[in-house]
C-alpha atoms as a PDB file:
ATOM      1  CA  MET A   1     231.135 -29.979  47.576  1.00  0.00           C
ATOM      2  CA  ALA A   2     227.676 -30.782  46.716  1.00  0.00           C
ATOM      3  CA  VAL A   3     225.044 -29.685  49.612  1.00  0.00           C
ATOM      4  CA  PRO A   4     223.243 -32.650  51.109  1.00  0.00           C
ATOM      5  CA  LYS A   5     219.630 -32.853  49.863  1.00  0.00           C
ATOM      6  CA  SER A   6     218.158 -32.417  53.278  1.00  0.00           C
ATOM      7  CA  GLU A   7     220.264 -29.277  54.010  1.00  0.00           C
ATOM      8  CA  ARG A   8     219.291 -27.845  50.506  1.00  0.00           C
ATOM      9  CA  LEU A   9     215.755 -28.236  51.153  1.00  0.00           C
ATOM     10  CA  LEU A  10     215.920 -26.557  54.402  1.00  0.00           C
ATOM     11  CA  ASN A  11     217.733 -23.689  53.023  1.00  0.00           C
ATOM     12  CA  LEU A  12     215.033 -23.381  50.090  1.00  0.00           C
ATOM     13  CA  LEU A  13     212.364 -23.521  52.854  1.00  0.00           C
ATOM     14  CA  ILE A  14     214.218 -20.870  54.964  1.00  0.00           C
ATOM     15  CA  MET A  15     214.756 -18.607  51.864  1.00  0.00           C
ATOM     16  CA  LEU A  16     211.025 -18.575  50.677  1.00  0.00           C
ATOM     17  CA  LEU A  17     209.725 -18.131  54.526  1.00  0.00           C
ATOM     18  CA  VAL A  18     211.840 -15.333  56.005  1.00  0.00           C
ATOM     19  CA  GLN A  19     211.063 -12.754  53.025  1.00  0.00           C
ATOM     20  CA  ARG A  20     207.747 -10.669  52.676  1.00  0.00           C
ATOM     21  CA  ARG A  21     208.129 -10.576  49.067  1.00  0.00           C
ATOM     22  CA  TYR A  22     208.282 -13.130  46.319  1.00  0.00           C
ATOM     23  CA  VAL A  23     211.651 -14.276  45.563  1.00  0.00           C
ATOM     24  CA  ALA A  24     212.733 -14.371  41.779  1.00  0.00           C
ATOM     25  CA  LYS A  25     213.699 -17.880  40.487  1.00  0.00           C
ATOM     26  CA  ASP A  26     217.118 -16.095  39.279  1.00  0.00           C
ATOM     27  CA  ARG A  27     217.759 -15.035  42.884  1.00  0.00           C
ATOM     28  CA  ILE A  28     217.200 -18.504  44.333  1.00  0.00           C
ATOM     29  CA  ARG A  29     219.719 -20.181  41.784  1.00  0.00           C
ATOM     30  CA  GLU A  30     222.151 -17.672  42.428  1.00  0.00           C
ATOM     31  CA  ILE A  31     222.138 -18.062  46.241  1.00  0.00           C
ATOM     32  CA  LEU A  32     221.289 -21.614  46.805  1.00  0.00           C
ATOM     33  CA  TYR A  33     222.094 -23.555  43.773  1.00  0.00           C
ATOM     34  CA  PRO A  34     225.425 -21.863  42.664  1.00  0.00           C
ATOM     35  CA  GLY A  35     227.458 -23.632  39.770  1.00  0.00           C
ATOM     36  CA  ALA A  36     224.678 -25.648  38.751  1.00  0.00           C
ATOM     37  CA  THR A  37     223.937 -25.803  34.858  1.00  0.00           C
ATOM     38  CA  ASP A  38     220.711 -24.649  33.638  1.00  0.00           C
ATOM     39  CA  GLU A  39     219.310 -28.245  33.267  1.00  0.00           C
ATOM     40  CA  ALA A  40     220.496 -29.336  36.532  1.00  0.00           C
ATOM     41  CA  PHE A  41     219.043 -26.274  38.251  1.00  0.00           C
ATOM     42  CA  GLU A  42     215.751 -26.860  36.626  1.00  0.00           C
ATOM     43  CA  LYS A  43     215.567 -30.536  37.761  1.00  0.00           C
ATOM     44  CA  MET A  44     216.662 -30.022  41.330  1.00  0.00           C
ATOM     45  CA  PHE A  45     214.659 -26.862  41.821  1.00  0.00           C
ATOM     46  CA  GLU A  46     211.443 -28.571  40.558  1.00  0.00           C
ATOM     47  CA  ARG A  47     212.090 -31.783  42.496  1.00  0.00           C
ATOM     48  CA  ASP A  48     212.817 -29.567  45.653  1.00  0.00           C
ATOM     49  CA  LYS A  49     209.593 -27.707  45.304  1.00  0.00           C
ATOM     50  CA  GLU A  50     207.642 -30.669  44.876  1.00  0.00           C
ATOM     51  CA  GLU A  51     209.305 -32.378  47.968  1.00  0.00           C
ATOM     52  CA  LEU A  52     208.304 -29.444  50.057  1.00  0.00           C
ATOM     53  CA  ARG A  53     204.910 -29.403  48.833  1.00  0.00           C
ATOM     54  CA  SER A  54     204.688 -33.082  49.682  1.00  0.00           C
ATOM     55  CA  LEU A  55     205.495 -32.313  53.218  1.00  0.00           C
ATOM     56  CA  GLY A  56     202.722 -29.983  53.545  1.00  0.00           C
ATOM     57  CA  VAL A  57     204.705 -26.672  52.890  1.00  0.00           C
ATOM     58  CA  PRO A  58     202.334 -24.210  50.806  1.00  0.00           C
ATOM     59  CA  ILE A  59     204.583 -22.628  48.336  1.00  0.00           C
ATOM     60  CA  GLU A  60     202.908 -19.632  46.571  1.00  0.00           C
ATOM     61  CA  VAL A  61     203.746 -18.694  43.291  1.00  0.00           C
ATOM     62  CA  GLY A  62     202.921 -14.905  42.144  1.00  0.00           C
ATOM     63  CA  SER A  63     204.031 -12.033  40.046  1.00  0.00           C
ATOM     64  CA  MET A  64     207.041  -9.818  41.321  1.00  0.00           C
ATOM     65  CA  ASP A  65     205.571  -6.721  39.936  1.00  0.00           C
ATOM     66  CA  ALA A  66     201.729  -6.073  40.106  1.00  0.00           C
ATOM     67  CA  TYR A  67     201.996  -4.016  36.683  1.00  0.00           C
ATOM     68  CA  PHE A  68     204.306  -6.417  34.407  1.00  0.00           C
ATOM     69  CA  ASP A  69     203.710  -9.963  33.400  1.00  0.00           C
ATOM     70  CA  ASP A  70     207.382 -10.897  34.376  1.00  0.00           C
ATOM     71  CA  GLU A  71     209.046 -14.034  35.765  1.00  0.00           C
ATOM     72  CA  PRO A  72     206.955 -15.435  38.585  1.00  0.00           C
ATOM     73  CA  GLY A  73     208.438 -15.429  41.991  1.00  0.00           C
ATOM     74  CA  TYR A  74     208.044 -17.941  44.960  1.00  0.00           C
ATOM     75  CA  ARG A  75     207.281 -17.356  48.723  1.00  0.00           C
ATOM     76  CA  VAL A  76     205.967 -19.225  51.709  1.00  0.00           C
ATOM     77  CA  ARG A  77     203.807 -17.275  54.246  1.00  0.00           C
ATOM     78  CA  PRO A  78     204.203 -18.050  57.985  1.00  0.00           C
ATOM     79  CA  ASP A  79     200.714 -17.945  58.646  1.00  0.00           C
ATOM     80  CA  GLU A  80     199.867 -20.641  55.978  1.00  0.00           C
ATOM     81  CA  LEU A  81     202.793 -23.163  57.246  1.00  0.00           C
ATOM     82  CA  ALA A  82     201.842 -22.417  61.160  1.00  0.00           C
ATOM     83  CA  LEU A  83     199.492 -24.867  62.873  1.00  0.00           C
ATOM     84  CA  PRO A  84     196.098 -23.992  64.051  1.00  0.00           C
ATOM     85  CA  GLU A  85     195.499 -23.556  67.670  1.00  0.00           C
ATOM     86  CA  ILE A  86     195.301 -26.982  69.361  1.00  0.00           C
ATOM     87  CA  SER A  87     194.007 -28.013  72.691  1.00  0.00           C
ATOM     88  CA  LEU A  88     196.012 -30.371  74.446  1.00  0.00           C
ATOM     89  CA  THR A  89     195.527 -32.853  77.538  1.00  0.00           C
ATOM     90  CA  ALA A  90     198.031 -32.711  80.400  1.00  0.00           C
ATOM     91  CA  ASP A  91     199.694 -35.787  79.241  1.00  0.00           C
ATOM     92  CA  GLU A  92     199.914 -34.838  75.463  1.00  0.00           C
ATOM     93  CA  ALA A  93     201.446 -31.474  76.671  1.00  0.00           C
ATOM     94  CA  SER A  94     204.118 -33.288  78.593  1.00  0.00           C
ATOM     95  CA  VAL A  95     205.125 -35.197  75.509  1.00  0.00           C
ATOM     96  CA  LEU A  96     205.466 -31.923  73.335  1.00  0.00           C
ATOM     97  CA  GLY A  97     207.341 -30.368  76.474  1.00  0.00           C
ATOM     98  CA  LEU A  98     209.958 -33.150  75.815  1.00  0.00           C
ATOM     99  CA  ALA A  99     210.085 -32.289  72.094  1.00  0.00           C
ATOM    100  CA  ALA A 100     210.373 -28.585  72.840  1.00  0.00           C
ATOM    101  CA  LYS A 101     213.497 -29.248  75.397  1.00  0.00           C
ATOM    102  CA  VAL A 102     215.425 -31.916  73.895  1.00  0.00           C
ATOM    103  CA  TRP A 103     215.887 -31.676  69.972  1.00  0.00           C
ATOM    104  CA  GLU A 104     218.175 -28.988  68.534  1.00  0.00           C
ATOM    105  CA  HIS A 105     219.620 -31.133  65.770  1.00  0.00           C
ATOM    106  CA  ALA A 106     223.255 -29.808  65.106  1.00  0.00           C
ATOM    107  CA  ARG A 107     223.214 -30.522  61.537  1.00  0.00           C
ATOM    108  CA  LEU A 108     219.863 -28.593  60.885  1.00  0.00           C
ATOM    109  CA  ALA A 109     220.972 -25.727  63.266  1.00  0.00           C
ATOM    110  CA  GLU A 110     224.087 -25.160  61.152  1.00  0.00           C
ATOM    111  CA  ALA A 111     221.893 -25.043  58.100  1.00  0.00           C
ATOM    112  CA  THR A 112     219.646 -22.686  59.293  1.00  0.00           C
ATOM    113  CA  THR A 113     222.534 -20.340  60.280  1.00  0.00           C
ATOM    114  CA  GLU A 114     224.151 -20.912  56.995  1.00  0.00           C
ATOM    115  CA  ALA A 115     221.014 -19.802  54.922  1.00  0.00           C
ATOM    116  CA  LEU A 116     220.580 -16.748  56.720  1.00  0.00           C
ATOM    117  CA  ARG A 117     224.021 -15.877  56.474  1.00  0.00           C
ATOM    118  CA  LYS A 118     223.739 -16.337  52.600  1.00  0.00           C
ATOM    119  CA  LEU A 119     220.548 -14.123  52.546  1.00  0.00           C
ATOM    120  CA  SER A 120     221.974 -11.557  54.578  1.00  0.00           C
ATOM    121  CA  ALA A 121     225.285 -11.414  52.483  1.00  0.00           C
ATOM    122  CA  ALA A 122     223.066 -11.057  49.442  1.00  0.00           C
ATOM    123  CA  GLY A 123     221.699  -7.973  50.841  1.00  0.00           C
ATOM    124  CA  LEU A 124     218.140  -9.637  51.126  1.00  0.00           C
ATOM    125  CA  PRO A 125     215.736  -8.443  53.901  1.00  0.00           C
ATOM    126  CA  VAL A 126     214.929 -11.486  56.239  1.00  0.00           C
ATOM    127  CA  ASP A 127     212.125 -11.909  59.085  1.00  0.00           C
ATOM    128  CA  GLU A 128     213.892 -14.136  61.203  1.00  0.00           C
ATOM    129  CA  SER A 129     210.624 -14.551  63.467  1.00  0.00           C
ATOM    130  CA  ALA A 130     209.142 -16.529  60.563  1.00  0.00           C
ATOM    131  CA  LEU A 131     211.558 -19.432  61.557  1.00  0.00           C
ATOM    132  CA  ASP A 132     209.373 -20.014  64.649  1.00  0.00           C
ATOM    133  CA  VAL A 133     206.993 -22.300  62.915  1.00  0.00           C
ATOM    134  CA  VAL A 134     209.814 -24.329  61.442  1.00  0.00           C
ATOM    135  CA  GLN A 135     212.314 -24.694  64.507  1.00  0.00           C
ATOM    136  CA  PRO A 136     213.746 -28.432  64.621  1.00  0.00           C
ATOM    137  CA  ARG A 137     212.451 -30.128  67.663  1.00  0.00           C
ATOM    138  CA  LEU A 138     213.372 -33.702  68.041  1.00  0.00           C
ATOM    139  CA  ALA A 139     216.269 -35.490  69.685  1.00  0.00           C
ATOM    140  CA  ALA A 140     218.870 -37.334  67.406  1.00  0.00           C
ATOM    141  CA  ASP A 141     222.065 -37.697  69.110  1.00  0.00           C
ATOM    142  CA  GLU A 142     223.178 -40.933  67.441  1.00  0.00           C
ATOM    143  CA  PRO A 143     226.186 -40.019  65.115  1.00  0.00           C
ATOM    144  CA  ALA A 144     224.609 -42.370  62.232  1.00  0.00           C
ATOM    145  CA  PHE A 145     221.524 -40.419  62.196  1.00  0.00           C
ATOM    146  CA  ASP A 146     222.556 -37.886  59.390  1.00  0.00           C
ATOM    147  CA  ALA A 147     223.753 -40.643  57.083  1.00  0.00           C
ATOM    148  CA  PHE A 148     220.629 -42.753  57.249  1.00  0.00           C
ATOM    149  CA  TRP A 149     218.425 -39.696  56.977  1.00  0.00           C
ATOM    150  CA  GLU A 150     220.084 -38.647  53.915  1.00  0.00           C
ATOM    151  CA  ALA A 151     220.313 -42.037  52.547  1.00  0.00           C
ATOM    152  CA  THR A 152     216.529 -42.444  52.998  1.00  0.00           C
ATOM    153  CA  LEU A 153     215.628 -39.095  51.212  1.00  0.00           C
ATOM    154  CA  ASP A 154     218.051 -40.021  48.268  1.00  0.00           C
ATOM    155  CA  ARG A 155     216.840 -43.415  48.018  1.00  0.00           C
ATOM    156  CA  VAL A 156     220.513 -44.674  48.495  1.00  0.00           C
ATOM    157  CA  PRO A 157     221.504 -48.374  49.761  1.00  0.00           C
ATOM    158  CA  VAL A 158     224.216 -48.108  52.821  1.00  0.00           C
ATOM    159  CA  ALA A 159     226.483 -50.435  54.126  1.00  0.00           C
ATOM    160  CA  PHE A 160     227.503 -50.328  58.017  1.00  0.00           C
ATOM    161  CA  GLU A 161     229.012 -52.293  60.651  1.00  0.00           C
ATOM    162  CA  TYR A 162     226.376 -53.447  63.080  1.00  0.00           C
ATOM    163  CA  ARG A 163     226.927 -54.876  66.588  1.00  0.00           C
ATOM    164  CA  ARG A 164     224.457 -56.725  68.822  1.00  0.00           C
ATOM    165  CA  THR A 165     224.856 -57.046  72.643  1.00  0.00           C
ATOM    166  CA  GLY A 166     227.549 -59.797  73.201  1.00  0.00           C
ATOM    167  CA  GLN A 167     228.460 -60.236  69.867  1.00  0.00           C
ATOM    168  CA  PRO A 168     231.283 -58.969  67.308  1.00  0.00           C
ATOM    169  CA  ALA A 169     230.219 -56.079  64.650  1.00  0.00           C
ATOM    170  CA  THR A 170     229.094 -57.646  61.229  1.00  0.00           C
ATOM    171  CA  THR A 171     228.810 -55.747  57.783  1.00  0.00           C
ATOM    172  CA  ARG A 172     225.285 -55.203  56.945  1.00  0.00           C
ATOM    173  CA  HIS A 173     223.512 -53.958  53.727  1.00  0.00           C
ATOM    174  CA  LEU A 174     220.232 -51.901  53.803  1.00  0.00           C
ATOM    175  CA  GLN A 175     217.787 -50.100  51.430  1.00  0.00           C
ATOM    176  CA  PRO A 176     216.347 -47.483  54.073  1.00  0.00           C
ATOM    177  CA  TRP A 177     212.873 -46.886  53.722  1.00  0.00           C
ATOM    178  CA  GLY A 178     212.815 -44.540  56.941  1.00  0.00           C
ATOM    179  CA  VAL A 179     214.195 -43.620  59.944  1.00  0.00           C
ATOM    180  CA  VAL A 180     211.688 -43.685  63.158  1.00  0.00           C
ATOM    181  CA  ARG A 181     211.738 -43.321  66.995  1.00  0.00           C
ATOM    182  CA  TYR A 182     210.281 -45.877  68.877  1.00  0.00           C
ATOM    183  CA  SER A 183     210.431 -46.607  72.554  1.00  0.00           C
ATOM    184  CA  GLY A 184     212.753 -43.704  73.216  1.00  0.00           C
ATOM    185  CA  ARG A 185     215.383 -45.181  70.408  1.00  0.00           C
ATOM    186  CA  TRP A 186     216.055 -44.518  66.937  1.00  0.00           C
ATOM    187  CA  TYR A 187     215.719 -47.246  64.511  1.00  0.00           C
ATOM    188  CA  ALA A 188     216.817 -47.433  60.603  1.00  0.00           C
ATOM    189  CA  VAL A 189     213.862 -49.620  58.755  1.00  0.00           C
ATOM    190  CA  GLY A 190     214.293 -50.914  55.496  1.00  0.00           C
ATOM    191  CA  LEU A 191     215.058 -53.931  53.207  1.00  0.00           C
ATOM    192  CA  ASP A 192     218.104 -55.825  54.677  1.00  0.00           C
ATOM    193  CA  THR A 193     219.758 -57.290  50.962  1.00  0.00           C
ATOM    194  CA  ASP A 194     221.673 -59.795  52.526  1.00  0.00           C
ATOM    195  CA  ARG A 195     218.690 -61.566  54.056  1.00  0.00           C
ATOM    196  CA  GLY A 196     216.007 -60.290  51.502  1.00  0.00           C
ATOM    197  CA  ALA A 197     213.670 -59.494  54.322  1.00  0.00           C
ATOM    198  CA  GLU A 198     212.758 -56.188  56.098  1.00  0.00           C
ATOM    199  CA  ARG A 199     214.423 -55.578  59.263  1.00  0.00           C
ATOM    200  CA  VAL A 200     214.976 -52.760  61.651  1.00  0.00           C
ATOM    201  CA  PHE A 201     218.430 -51.572  63.117  1.00  0.00           C
ATOM    202  CA  ARG A 202     219.079 -49.598  66.297  1.00  0.00           C
ATOM    203  CA  LEU A 203     221.088 -46.547  65.309  1.00  0.00           C
ATOM    204  CA  SER A 204     222.967 -46.605  68.700  1.00  0.00           C
ATOM    205  CA  ARG A 205     224.385 -50.011  67.701  1.00  0.00           C
ATOM    206  CA  VAL A 206     226.092 -48.837  64.292  1.00  0.00           C
ATOM    207  CA  GLN A 207     229.769 -48.627  64.571  1.00  0.00           C
ATOM    208  CA  GLY A 208     231.259 -45.784  62.766  1.00  0.00           C
ATOM    209  CA  GLN A 209     229.671 -44.035  59.794  1.00  0.00           C
ATOM    210  CA  PRO A 210     227.625 -45.782  57.192  1.00  0.00           C
ATOM    211  CA  ARG A 211     228.692 -45.777  53.877  1.00  0.00           C
ATOM    212  CA  ARG A 212     226.836 -45.148  50.780  1.00  0.00           C
ATOM    213  CA  ASP A 213     226.473 -48.406  48.643  1.00  0.00           C
ATOM    214  CA  GLY A 214     225.022 -47.216  45.446  1.00  0.00           C
ATOM    215  CA  ALA A 215     223.510 -44.382  43.444  1.00  0.00           C
ATOM    216  CA  PRO A 216     220.616 -42.343  44.104  1.00  0.00           C
ATOM    217  CA  GLY A 217     217.298 -43.536  43.221  1.00  0.00           C
ATOM    218  CA  ALA A 218     218.775 -47.221  43.365  1.00  0.00           C
ATOM    219  CA  PHE A 219     215.304 -48.504  44.960  1.00  0.00           C
ATOM    220  CA  GLU A 220     211.741 -47.754  45.689  1.00  0.00           C
ATOM    221  CA  VAL A 221     209.913 -47.892  49.118  1.00  0.00           C
ATOM    222  CA  PRO A 222     207.152 -50.715  48.552  1.00  0.00           C
ATOM    223  CA  ALA A 223     203.699 -48.971  48.241  1.00  0.00           C
ATOM    224  CA  GLY A 224     201.846 -48.796  51.388  1.00  0.00           C
ATOM    225  CA  THR A 225     204.885 -49.376  53.599  1.00  0.00           C
ATOM    226  CA  ASP A 226     204.236 -48.386  56.941  1.00  0.00           C
ATOM    227  CA  VAL A 227     207.812 -47.577  58.523  1.00  0.00           C
ATOM    228  CA  ARG A 228     206.366 -47.069  62.007  1.00  0.00           C
ATOM    229  CA  GLY A 229     204.414 -50.150  62.213  1.00  0.00           C
ATOM    230  CA  VAL A 230     207.281 -52.068  60.676  1.00  0.00           C
ATOM    231  CA  ALA A 231     209.451 -50.903  63.620  1.00  0.00           C
ATOM    232  CA  ARG A 232     206.907 -51.888  66.112  1.00  0.00           C
ATOM    233  CA  ARG A 233     206.701 -55.301  64.844  1.00  0.00           C
ATOM    234  CA  LEU A 234     210.193 -55.840  64.409  1.00  0.00           C
ATOM    235  CA  ALA A 235     212.032 -53.877  67.330  1.00  0.00           C
ATOM    236  CA  PRO A 236     212.973 -55.773  70.467  1.00  0.00           C
ATOM    237  CA  THR A 237     210.218 -55.507  73.267  1.00  0.00           C
ATOM    238  CA  PRO A 238     211.286 -52.527  75.644  1.00  0.00           C
ATOM    239  CA  LEU A 239     212.770 -53.348  78.845  1.00  0.00           C
ATOM    240  CA  SER A 240     210.175 -53.675  81.651  1.00  0.00           C
ATOM    241  CA  GLU A 241     212.595 -53.479  84.428  1.00  0.00           C
ATOM    242  CA  PRO A 242     211.109 -51.058  87.379  1.00  0.00           C
ATOM    243  CA  ALA A 243     212.578 -47.797  88.090  1.00  0.00           C
ATOM    244  CA  VAL A 244     213.033 -45.508  90.861  1.00  0.00           C
ATOM    245  CA  VAL A 245     212.575 -41.780  90.507  1.00  0.00           C
ATOM    246  CA  LEU A 246     212.886 -38.634  92.937  1.00  0.00           C
ATOM    247  CA  VAL A 247     210.542 -35.988  92.120  1.00  0.00           C
ATOM    248  CA  ARG A 248     210.424 -32.485  93.568  1.00  0.00           C
ATOM    249  CA  ALA A 249     207.169 -32.110  95.627  1.00  0.00           C
ATOM    250  CA  GLY A 250     204.190 -30.812  93.498  1.00  0.00           C
ATOM    251  CA  ALA A 251     205.940 -31.704  90.120  1.00  0.00           C
ATOM    252  CA  GLY A 252     205.977 -34.810  88.012  1.00  0.00           C
ATOM    253  CA  GLY A 253     202.274 -35.309  87.496  1.00  0.00           C
ATOM    254  CA  GLY A 254     202.530 -37.875  84.608  1.00  0.00           C
ATOM    255  CA  LEU A 255     205.229 -39.882  86.691  1.00  0.00           C
ATOM    256  CA  ARG A 256     202.913 -39.678  89.776  1.00  0.00           C
ATOM    257  CA  ARG A 257     199.983 -41.130  87.772  1.00  0.00           C
ATOM    258  CA  LYS A 258     202.218 -44.212  86.707  1.00  0.00           C
ATOM    259  CA  ALA A 259     203.806 -44.666  90.111  1.00  0.00           C
ATOM    260  CA  GLU A 260     202.878 -47.867  91.830  1.00  0.00           C
ATOM    261  CA  LEU A 261     204.221 -46.406  95.177  1.00  0.00           C
ATOM    262  CA  VAL A 262     205.249 -42.916  96.426  1.00  0.00           C
ATOM    263  CA  GLU A 263     207.317 -42.275  99.182  1.00  0.00           C
ATOM    264  CA  PRO A 264     206.734 -38.557 100.396  1.00  0.00           C
ATOM    265  CA  GLY A 265     209.354 -36.372 102.198  1.00  0.00           C
ATOM    266  CA  VAL A 266     212.572 -38.039 101.327  1.00  0.00           C
ATOM    267  CA  THR A 267     215.997 -36.414 101.179  1.00  0.00           C
ATOM    268  CA  GLY A 268     216.545 -35.159  97.356  1.00  0.00           C
ATOM    269  CA  PRO A 269     219.767 -34.541  95.487  1.00  0.00           C
ATOM    270  CA  ASP A 270     219.928 -31.110  96.799  1.00  0.00           C
ATOM    271  CA  GLY A 271     219.999 -32.075 100.433  1.00  0.00           C
ATOM    272  CA  GLY A 272     216.655 -30.957 101.130  1.00  0.00           C
ATOM    273  CA  THR A 273     213.494 -33.080 102.156  1.00  0.00           C
ATOM    274  CA  GLY A 274     210.838 -31.571  99.687  1.00  0.00           C
ATOM    275  CA  TRP A 275     211.050 -34.720  97.287  1.00  0.00           C
ATOM    276  CA  ASP A 276     208.769 -37.803  96.913  1.00  0.00           C
ATOM    277  CA  ARG A 277     210.317 -41.166  95.766  1.00  0.00           C
ATOM    278  CA  MET A 278     208.228 -43.104  92.996  1.00  0.00           C
ATOM    279  CA  HIS A 279     208.421 -46.528  92.075  1.00  0.00           C
ATOM    280  CA  LEU A 280     207.598 -47.142  88.545  1.00  0.00           C
ATOM    281  CA  ARG A 281     206.893 -50.561  87.125  1.00  0.00           C
ATOM    282  CA  HIS A 282     208.629 -49.753  83.679  1.00  0.00           C
ATOM    283  CA  GLY A 283     211.828 -47.919  83.177  1.00  0.00           C
ATOM    284  CA  GLU A 284     211.264 -46.737  79.742  1.00  0.00           C
ATOM    285  CA  VAL A 285     210.530 -43.121  81.024  1.00  0.00           C
ATOM    286  CA  ALA A 286     213.654 -41.298  80.014  1.00  0.00           C
ATOM    287  CA  ASP A 287     211.533 -38.842  77.824  1.00  0.00           C
ATOM    288  CA  GLU A 288     209.239 -38.138  80.467  1.00  0.00           C
ATOM    289  CA  VAL A 289     211.850 -37.713  82.935  1.00  0.00           C
ATOM    290  CA  LEU A 290     213.482 -35.114  80.864  1.00  0.00           C
ATOM    291  CA  THR A 291     210.295 -33.013  80.433  1.00  0.00           C
ATOM    292  CA  TYR A 292     210.762 -32.291  84.164  1.00  0.00           C
ATOM    293  CA  GLY A 293     214.168 -30.757  83.976  1.00  0.00           C
ATOM    294  CA  PRO A 294     215.808 -30.324  87.503  1.00  0.00           C
ATOM    295  CA  ASP A 295     212.625 -31.637  89.221  1.00  0.00           C
ATOM    296  CA  ALA A 296     212.933 -35.204  88.507  1.00  0.00           C
ATOM    297  CA  VAL A 297     216.293 -37.448  88.880  1.00  0.00           C
ATOM    298  CA  VAL A 298     216.743 -41.021  88.246  1.00  0.00           C
ATOM    299  CA  VAL A 299     217.855 -43.210  90.902  1.00  0.00           C
ATOM    300  CA  SER A 300     217.660 -46.559  89.244  1.00  0.00           C
ATOM    301  CA  PRO A 301     218.085 -48.500  87.095  1.00  0.00           C
ATOM    302  CA  SER A 302     221.926 -47.306  85.960  1.00  0.00           C
ATOM    303  CA  TRP A 303     220.885 -47.734  82.231  1.00  0.00           C
ATOM    304  CA  LEU A 304     217.855 -45.325  82.532  1.00  0.00           C
ATOM    305  CA  ARG A 305     219.992 -42.930  84.493  1.00  0.00           C
ATOM    306  CA  ASP A 306     223.074 -43.116  81.934  1.00  0.00           C
ATOM    307  CA  GLN A 307     220.154 -42.509  78.891  1.00  0.00           C
ATOM    308  CA  VAL A 308     218.995 -39.432  80.723  1.00  0.00           C
ATOM    309  CA  VAL A 309     222.519 -37.975  81.466  1.00  0.00           C
ATOM    310  CA  SER A 310     223.436 -38.931  77.749  1.00  0.00           C
ATOM    311  CA  ARG A 311     220.765 -36.996  76.306  1.00  0.00           C
ATOM    312  CA  LEU A 312     221.428 -33.773  78.680  1.00  0.00           C
ATOM    313  CA  ARG A 313     225.127 -33.805  77.681  1.00  0.00           C
ATOM    314  CA  VAL A 314     224.338 -33.777  73.995  1.00  0.00           C
ATOM    315  CA  VAL A 315     221.997 -30.558  74.788  1.00  0.00           C
ATOM    316  CA  VAL A 316     224.455 -28.847  77.005  1.00  0.00           C
ATOM    317  CA  GLU A 317     227.483 -29.437  74.682  1.00  0.00           C
ATOM    318  CA  GLY A 318     225.405 -28.705  71.384  1.00  0.00           C
ATOM    319  CA  GLY A 319     224.364 -25.196  73.074  1.00  0.00           C
ATOM    320  CA  ALA A 320     220.713 -25.838  73.156  1.00  0.00           C
ATOM    321  CA  PRO A 321     218.484 -24.013  75.641  1.00  0.00           C
END
């Protein structure tokens, strides 16, 4: 069974990152591209290297032996890949706090474990601490996420069943340009070939699994396309329904700044009175509520509470910290 491109790229990154020495090309082929012909391996390996480099991964090429001009080896130095020290405001830190708590995407976690298993089985020394700089940190609990993400990487059209609120599901066809998070939700952005126009589709409304509807490389993303800009322009306007959230005294600084009214000393979910009731004008605060963990509890509206509970359930069932 062929390894999905996204998993293959991650395996290659991990292999080059967790070893302190250069990795020989034949060793990379043996472990990550088993069964590939000489021509297929050369094409895939060159393409994968260039794709990682285009994502900002500094793949270093060097000699395996300082005294011999032999086959070059490859590696990624953790200190070159890691970000420099960054200073954040309190609000920016809250946003990154969400990223640190919410995403442990199951497919990427499995791929990481599998890559390390292959390296260990081959008797290669690994430095697992190097993985700290590539640990995945983004929530993607919609079942359709993987299919759209991989179709985007492979430039493969997809067909899928899509249902809008109060309407029956219909079959849609899309050339996916990208997958983007906007206003707390994931959207697939691309060319709707049935309508001949750019469209966005909310992944939570996709019924079942999308189906590949063409060959890899079947289309190109128009030059200069801003996927996030398309999502902002075409996605539905976020709900503006007000929300009520209970926050433990002394916590929830970001929510407090947004609150129109704060009622101190109310009874909380634990039966104690060390809580404040906050009234917020807009209910699109699920991401921020999650950053405060047990110190924030949604009272209303019900859709916001369900959204928070759903994301927490994904984290718990997935075994994420």
